[in-house]
Amino acid sequence: MAELQIRALRKTYPGAAAPVLQGIDLDVAAGEFMVFVGPSGCGKSTLLRAIAGLEPVDGGDIVLDGASIVAQPPGERGVAMVFQSYALYPHLTVAANLGFPLKMQGLAKGEIRRQVNEVAQTLQIEPLLERLPKSLSGGQRQRVAIGRAIVRRPKVFLFDEPLSNLDAALRVQMRLELARLHRELGTTMVYVTHDQVEAMTLGGRIAVFNSGRLEQVGRPLELFQAPANVFVAGFLGSPRMNFFQAELRGGALHTAGGQLPCARAGRALVLCGVRPEHWRDAEAGCGLAVDADAVEHLGDVVIIHGRLAGSGELLSIKRAPSEALPQVGQRLWLQTETEHLHLFGPDGNILPATP
């Protein structure tokens, strides 16, 4: 197991309006499963490629096991990368694909065969060893790509959106496989995805990226329950957190569509956030007035989309299918507990607990 440290890493592409990496500082503990998540173009894949040595950087350092690797060529860094496209050799069998890194190291054929069989057993792909990649399913190809990384016995595994080409059911299966592999191997893993479900279910910790900046790092539930800013709050959660403008005064949040009690003193204009699952019904004339626009039945849950009366701000409400559901155009009155209110200041950051 190896500890990975990233220090003030910077990267700008020629002609770009802004740096793709803006002084990233991050520690990944030995044996940790760290997930980089964020929208397309946020810098997460660039950072992963920089760690692998596939992307030169403009400044900063990458330290692995106490030694800087930022100037080392990719093959000498002690990392192995699994790509979104699998990157298998189409003319080689599965066994030959798995053994190729070992062949490049000059290992004897018997030792290569032993290690390949060992990895194939771990990944449950032993029946596939004599087949070519073109005869494999997407999930099987991804297992082979992961196996080719495992045989190198790296200090750190790097995964660049490895499940994005798979269908929904297979992605769930492969997430379970990756979690099992991490438990069995105990190797440090860094995983890039834009899928928040993958991030929340796989990551021991999550690093949220936005426009080349590291917005927040923490355990999945920490980020979900206590986001540091509007971006993190809106990125994690489906549907996303509801946001609406309010005036804080007199221990309540006042909006054009009503008011909510708030256990906070002071007076200020704030952006208020409430997750869809934290709304509950209130008596008519109490709480916030919301006019239903659409009702989506998703099987295990119902999503109600509406607009805050007086301002037209969009809000979403999660309900169980067994609950009473509104008709389109019906007015709802909503309330929430004060502990589920997230208040953000003009800079987009969460307001501190004390005013």
Protein backbone atom coordinates (compact mmCIF):
# COMPACT_ATOMS: atom_id res chain seq x y z
CA MET A 1 0.00 0.00 0.00
CA ALA A 2 1.23 3.47 -0.85
CA GLU A 3 0.34 7.00 0.19
CA LEU A 4 -0.19 9.52 -2.60
CA GLN A 5 0.35 13.24 -2.07
CA ILE A 6 -0.48 15.97 -4.58
CA ARG A 7 0.98 19.39 -3.91
CA ALA A 8 0.03 22.67 -5.66
CA LEU A 9 -0.41 20.91 -9.00
CA ARG A 10 -1.03 23.27 -11.92
CA LYS A 11 -1.81 22.67 -15.57
CA THR A 12 -2.89 25.01 -18.38
CA TYR A 13 -3.51 23.97 -21.98
CA PRO A 14 -2.18 26.35 -24.65
CA GLY A 15 -4.87 28.81 -25.69
CA ALA A 16 -7.17 27.87 -22.82
CA ALA A 17 -9.04 30.68 -21.07
CA ALA A 18 -8.36 29.23 -17.61
CA PRO A 19 -6.08 26.60 -16.02
CA VAL A 20 -7.46 23.07 -16.02
CA LEU A 21 -5.76 22.42 -12.67
CA GLN A 22 -5.55 25.37 -10.30
CA GLY A 23 -3.07 24.45 -7.58
CA ILE A 24 -4.53 21.11 -6.44
CA ASP A 25 -3.55 19.90 -2.95
CA LEU A 26 -4.75 16.43 -1.96
CA ASP A 27 -3.65 13.49 0.17
CA VAL A 28 -4.73 9.91 -0.59
CA ALA A 29 -4.03 7.56 2.30
CA ALA A 30 -2.35 4.19 1.82
CA GLY A 31 -4.97 1.59 0.91
CA GLU A 32 -7.70 4.19 0.41
CA PHE A 33 -10.35 4.13 -2.34
CA MET A 34 -10.50 7.79 -3.41
CA VAL A 35 -13.02 8.94 -6.00
CA PHE A 36 -12.64 12.09 -8.12
CA VAL A 37 -16.04 13.36 -9.20
CA GLY A 38 -17.27 16.39 -11.08
CA PRO A 39 -18.79 17.52 -14.39
CA SER A 40 -17.07 17.17 -17.75
CA GLY A 41 -14.11 19.53 -18.11
CA CYS A 42 -13.58 20.00 -14.37
CA GLY A 43 -10.01 18.61 -14.42
CA LYS A 44 -10.51 15.24 -12.73
CA SER A 45 -9.29 13.11 -15.65
CA THR A 46 -6.41 15.51 -16.33
CA LEU A 47 -5.28 15.08 -12.73
CA LEU A 48 -5.49 11.29 -13.02
CA ARG A 49 -3.43 11.36 -16.23
CA ALA A 50 -0.92 13.64 -14.53
CA ILE A 51 -0.53 11.09 -11.72
CA ALA A 52 0.00 8.38 -14.33
CA GLY A 53 2.62 10.47 -16.15
CA LEU A 54 0.54 10.74 -19.31
CA GLU A 55 -0.01 14.48 -18.91
CA PRO A 56 2.84 16.92 -18.18
CA VAL A 57 2.14 19.58 -15.55
CA ASP A 58 3.22 23.20 -15.28
CA GLY A 59 4.07 23.16 -11.59
CA GLY A 60 3.63 21.38 -8.29
CA ASP A 61 4.59 17.90 -7.17
CA ILE A 62 3.28 14.33 -7.04
CA VAL A 63 4.70 12.25 -4.20
CA LEU A 64 4.25 8.48 -3.94
CA ASP A 65 5.53 6.62 -0.89
CA GLY A 66 7.53 9.67 0.14
CA ALA A 67 9.34 10.09 -3.20
CA SER A 68 8.53 12.58 -5.94
CA ILE A 69 7.44 10.94 -9.21
CA VAL A 70 6.48 14.07 -11.14
CA ALA A 71 9.60 13.86 -13.33
CA GLN A 72 9.57 10.08 -13.78
CA PRO A 73 8.35 8.39 -17.00
CA PRO A 74 5.01 6.53 -16.72
CA GLY A 75 6.53 3.04 -16.64
CA GLU A 76 8.66 3.84 -13.61
CA ARG A 77 6.03 5.47 -11.40
CA GLY A 78 4.58 2.32 -9.84
CA VAL A 79 1.03 3.06 -11.01
CA ALA A 80 -1.34 1.17 -13.32
CA MET A 81 -4.21 2.78 -15.21
CA VAL A 82 -7.50 1.30 -16.42
CA PHE A 83 -9.07 3.29 -19.24
CA GLN A 84 -12.66 3.88 -20.28
CA SER A 85 -11.95 2.31 -23.69
CA TYR A 86 -10.41 -0.90 -22.19
CA ALA A 87 -7.34 -0.51 -24.53
CA LEU A 88 -6.92 -4.26 -25.13
CA TYR A 89 -4.76 -5.64 -27.92
CA PRO A 90 -7.35 -7.06 -30.37
CA HIS A 91 -4.99 -9.65 -31.91
CA LEU A 92 -3.95 -11.14 -28.55
CA THR A 93 -5.90 -13.65 -26.47
CA VAL A 94 -7.09 -12.73 -22.99
CA ALA A 95 -4.15 -14.64 -21.51
CA ALA A 96 -1.70 -12.79 -23.76
CA ASN A 97 -3.28 -9.44 -22.92
CA LEU A 98 -2.97 -10.19 -19.21
CA GLY A 99 0.59 -11.37 -19.56
CA PHE A 100 1.84 -8.60 -21.82
CA PRO A 101 3.11 -6.30 -19.01
CA LEU A 102 4.94 -9.26 -17.47
CA LYS A 103 6.48 -10.17 -20.82
CA MET A 104 7.78 -6.59 -21.12
CA GLN A 105 9.40 -7.03 -17.70
CA GLY A 106 11.29 -10.07 -19.01
CA LEU A 107 9.66 -12.68 -16.76
CA ALA A 108 9.93 -16.36 -17.65
CA LYS A 109 6.99 -17.95 -19.46
CA GLY A 110 6.19 -20.23 -16.52
CA GLU A 111 6.06 -17.31 -14.10
CA ILE A 112 3.91 -15.30 -16.52
CA ARG A 113 1.49 -18.21 -16.82
CA ARG A 114 1.32 -18.61 -13.04
CA GLN A 115 0.56 -14.93 -12.41
CA VAL A 116 -1.96 -14.75 -15.25
CA ASN A 117 -3.84 -17.76 -13.88
CA GLU A 118 -3.81 -16.25 -10.40
CA VAL A 119 -5.30 -12.96 -11.64
CA ALA A 120 -7.83 -14.77 -13.85
CA GLN A 121 -9.01 -16.72 -10.83
CA THR A 122 -9.37 -13.53 -8.79
CA LEU A 123 -11.46 -11.91 -11.53
CA GLN A 124 -13.36 -15.12 -12.37
CA ILE A 125 -12.35 -15.01 -16.04
CA GLU A 126 -10.49 -18.34 -16.27
CA PRO A 127 -12.82 -19.72 -19.02
CA LEU A 128 -12.00 -16.67 -21.18
CA LEU A 129 -8.21 -17.00 -21.32
CA GLU A 130 -8.00 -18.37 -24.86
CA ARG A 131 -10.57 -16.02 -26.38
CA LEU A 132 -9.93 -12.81 -28.32
CA PRO A 133 -11.31 -9.46 -27.06
CA LYS A 134 -13.80 -9.22 -29.97
CA SER A 135 -15.65 -12.26 -28.60
CA LEU A 136 -16.06 -10.76 -25.12
CA SER A 137 -18.88 -8.69 -23.66
CA GLY A 138 -18.22 -5.19 -22.34
CA GLY A 139 -18.08 -6.41 -18.76
CA GLN A 140 -15.67 -9.20 -19.66
CA ARG A 141 -13.39 -6.78 -21.51
CA GLN A 142 -13.36 -4.50 -18.51
CA ARG A 143 -12.37 -7.39 -16.25
CA VAL A 144 -9.47 -8.18 -18.58
CA ALA A 145 -8.37 -4.52 -18.55
CA ILE A 146 -8.47 -4.52 -14.74
CA GLY A 147 -6.58 -7.83 -14.67
CA ARG A 148 -3.83 -6.42 -16.89
CA ALA A 149 -3.40 -3.65 -14.31
CA ILE A 150 -3.41 -6.11 -11.39
CA VAL A 151 -0.58 -8.29 -12.80
CA ARG A 152 1.74 -5.30 -12.65
CA ARG A 153 1.29 -5.20 -8.86
CA PRO A 154 1.31 -1.39 -8.79
CA LYS A 155 1.46 0.82 -5.74
CA VAL A 156 -1.61 2.71 -6.96
CA PHE A 157 -4.47 1.77 -9.30
CA LEU A 158 -5.92 4.56 -11.44
CA PHE A 159 -9.38 4.15 -12.98
CA ASP A 160 -10.59 6.63 -15.63
CA GLU A 161 -14.40 6.22 -15.88
CA PRO A 162 -14.03 2.46 -16.47
CA LEU A 163 -17.76 1.66 -16.32
CA SER A 164 -19.20 4.40 -18.51
CA ASN A 165 -19.45 2.12 -21.60
CA LEU A 166 -21.50 -0.52 -19.77
CA ASP A 167 -25.28 -0.77 -19.45
CA ALA A 168 -26.95 0.11 -16.14
CA ALA A 169 -27.27 -3.45 -14.80
CA LEU A 170 -23.67 -4.32 -15.63
CA ARG A 171 -22.41 -1.10 -14.03
CA VAL A 172 -24.00 -2.18 -10.74
CA GLN A 173 -22.37 -5.60 -11.00
CA MET A 174 -18.96 -4.13 -11.82
CA ARG A 175 -19.21 -1.65 -8.92
CA LEU A 176 -19.61 -4.61 -6.60
CA GLU A 177 -16.65 -6.33 -8.26
CA LEU A 178 -14.42 -3.28 -7.84
CA ALA A 179 -15.40 -2.92 -4.18
CA ARG A 180 -14.59 -6.61 -3.63
CA LEU A 181 -11.23 -6.26 -5.39
CA HIS A 182 -10.30 -3.31 -3.23
CA ARG A 183 -11.09 -5.28 -0.07
CA GLU A 184 -9.06 -8.27 -1.27
CA LEU A 185 -6.06 -6.41 -2.70
CA GLY A 186 -5.91 -3.56 -0.20
CA THR A 187 -4.11 -1.42 -2.80
CA THR A 188 -4.54 2.36 -3.01
CA MET A 189 -7.11 3.17 -5.70
CA VAL A 190 -8.03 6.47 -7.36
CA TYR A 191 -11.20 6.40 -9.44
CA VAL A 192 -12.54 9.10 -11.76
CA THR A 193 -16.24 9.37 -12.60
CA HIS A 194 -18.92 11.92 -13.43
CA ASP A 195 -21.55 9.54 -11.99
CA GLN A 196 -22.45 10.53 -8.44
CA VAL A 197 -23.94 7.06 -7.73
CA GLU A 198 -20.55 5.46 -8.46
CA ALA A 199 -18.87 8.09 -6.32
CA MET A 200 -21.21 7.62 -3.35
CA THR A 201 -21.15 3.82 -3.42
CA LEU A 202 -17.46 3.19 -4.16
CA GLY A 203 -15.52 5.98 -2.50
CA GLY A 204 -14.13 5.80 1.00
CA ARG A 205 -13.68 9.50 0.39
CA ILE A 206 -14.77 11.72 -2.48
CA ALA A 207 -12.96 14.71 -3.97
CA VAL A 208 -15.39 17.05 -5.76
CA PHE A 209 -13.87 19.04 -8.63
CA ASN A 210 -15.19 22.10 -10.43
CA SER A 211 -13.45 24.21 -13.10
CA GLY A 212 -9.99 23.01 -12.12
CA ARG A 213 -10.53 23.55 -8.40
CA LEU A 214 -10.98 21.11 -5.54
CA GLU A 215 -14.28 22.14 -3.94
CA GLN A 216 -14.51 19.68 -1.04
CA VAL A 217 -13.08 16.35 0.14
CA GLY A 218 -14.80 14.02 2.58
CA ARG A 219 -16.70 10.82 3.16
CA PRO A 220 -19.80 10.37 0.98
CA LEU A 221 -22.37 11.07 3.70
CA GLU A 222 -20.35 14.02 5.01
CA LEU A 223 -20.52 15.70 1.60
CA PHE A 224 -24.19 14.86 1.18
CA GLN A 225 -25.26 16.07 4.61
CA ALA A 226 -22.85 18.97 5.06
CA PRO A 227 -21.84 20.42 1.67
CA ALA A 228 -19.33 23.26 1.83
CA ASN A 229 -20.91 25.30 -0.94
CA VAL A 230 -23.71 25.54 -3.50
CA PHE A 231 -21.80 23.57 -6.14
CA VAL A 232 -21.24 20.50 -3.94
CA ALA A 233 -24.79 20.71 -2.59
CA GLY A 234 -26.25 20.79 -6.09
CA PHE A 235 -23.95 18.19 -7.63
CA LEU A 236 -24.58 15.37 -5.14
CA GLY A 237 -28.15 14.12 -4.91
CA SER A 238 -30.82 13.11 -7.42
CA PRO A 239 -32.89 15.10 -7.97
CA ARG A 240 -30.51 17.88 -7.02
CA MET A 241 -31.00 20.00 -3.92
CA ASN A 242 -33.70 22.68 -4.18
CA PHE A 243 -32.43 26.25 -4.05
CA PHE A 244 -34.50 29.38 -3.48
CA GLN A 245 -33.84 32.95 -2.37
CA ALA A 246 -35.01 33.97 1.09
CA GLU A 247 -34.62 36.76 3.63
CA LEU A 248 -33.54 35.67 7.08
CA ARG A 249 -35.15 37.77 9.78
CA GLY A 250 -36.96 37.21 13.03
CA GLY A 251 -35.94 33.56 13.28
CA ALA A 252 -37.59 32.68 9.94
CA LEU A 253 -36.86 32.49 6.24
CA HIS A 254 -39.20 34.75 4.29
CA THR A 255 -39.92 34.15 0.58
CA ALA A 256 -42.51 35.34 -1.91
CA GLY A 257 -44.31 32.01 -1.40
CA GLY A 258 -44.37 31.90 2.39
CA GLN A 259 -41.95 31.35 5.22
CA LEU A 260 -40.08 28.62 7.07
CA PRO A 261 -38.94 28.66 10.70
CA CYS A 262 -35.16 28.85 11.02
CA ALA A 263 -33.14 28.45 14.22
CA ARG A 264 -30.80 31.30 13.40
CA ALA A 265 -30.66 34.90 14.54
CA GLY A 266 -29.71 37.90 12.44
CA ARG A 267 -30.92 39.44 9.22
CA ALA A 268 -29.55 38.67 5.77
CA LEU A 269 -30.41 37.69 2.23
CA VAL A 270 -29.51 34.02 1.75
CA LEU A 271 -29.80 31.20 -0.73
CA CYS A 272 -31.67 28.39 0.98
CA GLY A 273 -31.20 24.71 0.08
CA VAL A 274 -33.50 21.78 0.92
CA ARG A 275 -33.16 18.26 -0.46
CA PRO A 276 -36.27 16.85 -2.21
CA GLU A 277 -36.64 14.03 0.33
CA HIS A 278 -36.75 16.46 3.27
CA TRP A 279 -40.00 18.22 2.37
CA ARG A 280 -43.15 17.31 4.32
CA ASP A 281 -46.74 18.47 3.95
CA ALA A 282 -47.94 21.45 5.95
CA GLU A 283 -51.40 22.87 6.64
CA ALA A 284 -52.77 25.30 4.08
CA GLY A 285 -51.37 28.75 4.69
CA CYS A 286 -48.32 27.41 6.55
CA GLY A 287 -44.82 26.94 5.15
CA LEU A 288 -44.15 27.47 1.45
CA ALA A 289 -46.77 27.48 -1.31
CA VAL A 290 -45.69 25.39 -4.30
CA ASP A 291 -47.73 24.80 -7.47
CA ALA A 292 -47.27 21.31 -8.96
CA ASP A 293 -46.07 21.29 -12.60
CA ALA A 294 -45.40 17.58 -13.19
CA VAL A 295 -45.52 14.23 -11.39
CA GLU A 296 -42.98 11.52 -12.31
CA HIS A 297 -43.62 7.91 -11.24
CA LEU A 298 -40.29 6.07 -10.99
CA GLY A 299 -41.54 2.86 -9.37
CA ASP A 300 -39.98 3.03 -5.92
CA VAL A 301 -40.35 6.80 -5.66
CA VAL A 302 -42.43 9.66 -7.06
CA ILE A 303 -40.86 13.01 -7.98
CA ILE A 304 -43.12 16.06 -7.91
CA HIS A 305 -41.83 19.11 -9.78
CA GLY A 306 -43.31 22.47 -8.92
CA ARG A 307 -42.73 26.21 -8.71
CA LEU A 308 -42.52 28.36 -5.63
CA ALA A 309 -45.52 30.68 -5.60
CA GLY A 310 -44.64 34.32 -6.15
CA SER A 311 -41.16 33.71 -7.58
CA GLY A 312 -41.49 30.75 -9.94
CA GLU A 313 -38.32 29.10 -8.59
CA LEU A 314 -38.24 25.38 -9.43
CA LEU A 315 -38.60 22.89 -6.57
CA SER A 316 -38.67 19.08 -6.45
CA ILE A 317 -40.29 16.85 -3.84
CA LYS A 318 -39.65 13.13 -3.31
CA ARG A 319 -42.50 10.95 -2.09
CA ALA A 320 -43.25 7.26 -1.73
CA PRO A 321 -45.79 5.88 -4.23
CA SER A 322 -48.11 5.00 -1.35
CA GLU A 323 -48.47 8.65 -0.30
CA ALA A 324 -51.20 10.97 -1.52
CA LEU A 325 -50.09 12.54 -4.78
CA PRO A 326 -51.15 15.93 -6.14
CA GLN A 327 -52.67 16.73 -9.50
CA VAL A 328 -50.84 18.98 -11.94
CA GLY A 329 -51.73 22.57 -11.09
CA GLN A 330 -52.59 21.76 -7.47
CA ARG A 331 -51.09 23.98 -4.76
CA LEU A 332 -49.00 22.28 -2.10
CA TRP A 333 -47.92 23.67 1.24
CA LEU A 334 -44.51 22.40 2.31
CA GLN A 335 -42.48 22.48 5.51
CA THR A 336 -39.13 21.06 6.60
CA GLU A 337 -37.20 20.61 9.83
CA THR A 338 -34.66 23.31 10.57
CA GLU A 339 -31.80 20.78 10.61
CA HIS A 340 -32.48 20.11 6.93
CA LEU A 341 -32.05 23.76 5.92
CA HIS A 342 -28.77 24.69 4.22
CA LEU A 343 -28.07 28.42 4.08
CA PHE A 344 -25.51 29.84 1.65
CA GLY A 345 -24.05 33.34 1.58
CA PRO A 346 -23.49 35.63 -1.44
CA ASP A 347 -20.17 33.88 -2.20
CA GLY A 348 -21.93 30.52 -2.52
CA ASN A 349 -20.32 29.08 0.61
CA ILE A 350 -22.29 27.56 3.45
CA LEU A 351 -22.97 30.00 6.27
CA PRO A 352 -21.27 29.08 9.55
CA ALA A 353 -23.36 27.55 12.31
CA THR A 354 -23.28 30.78 14.32
CA PRO A 355 -24.17 34.09 12.65
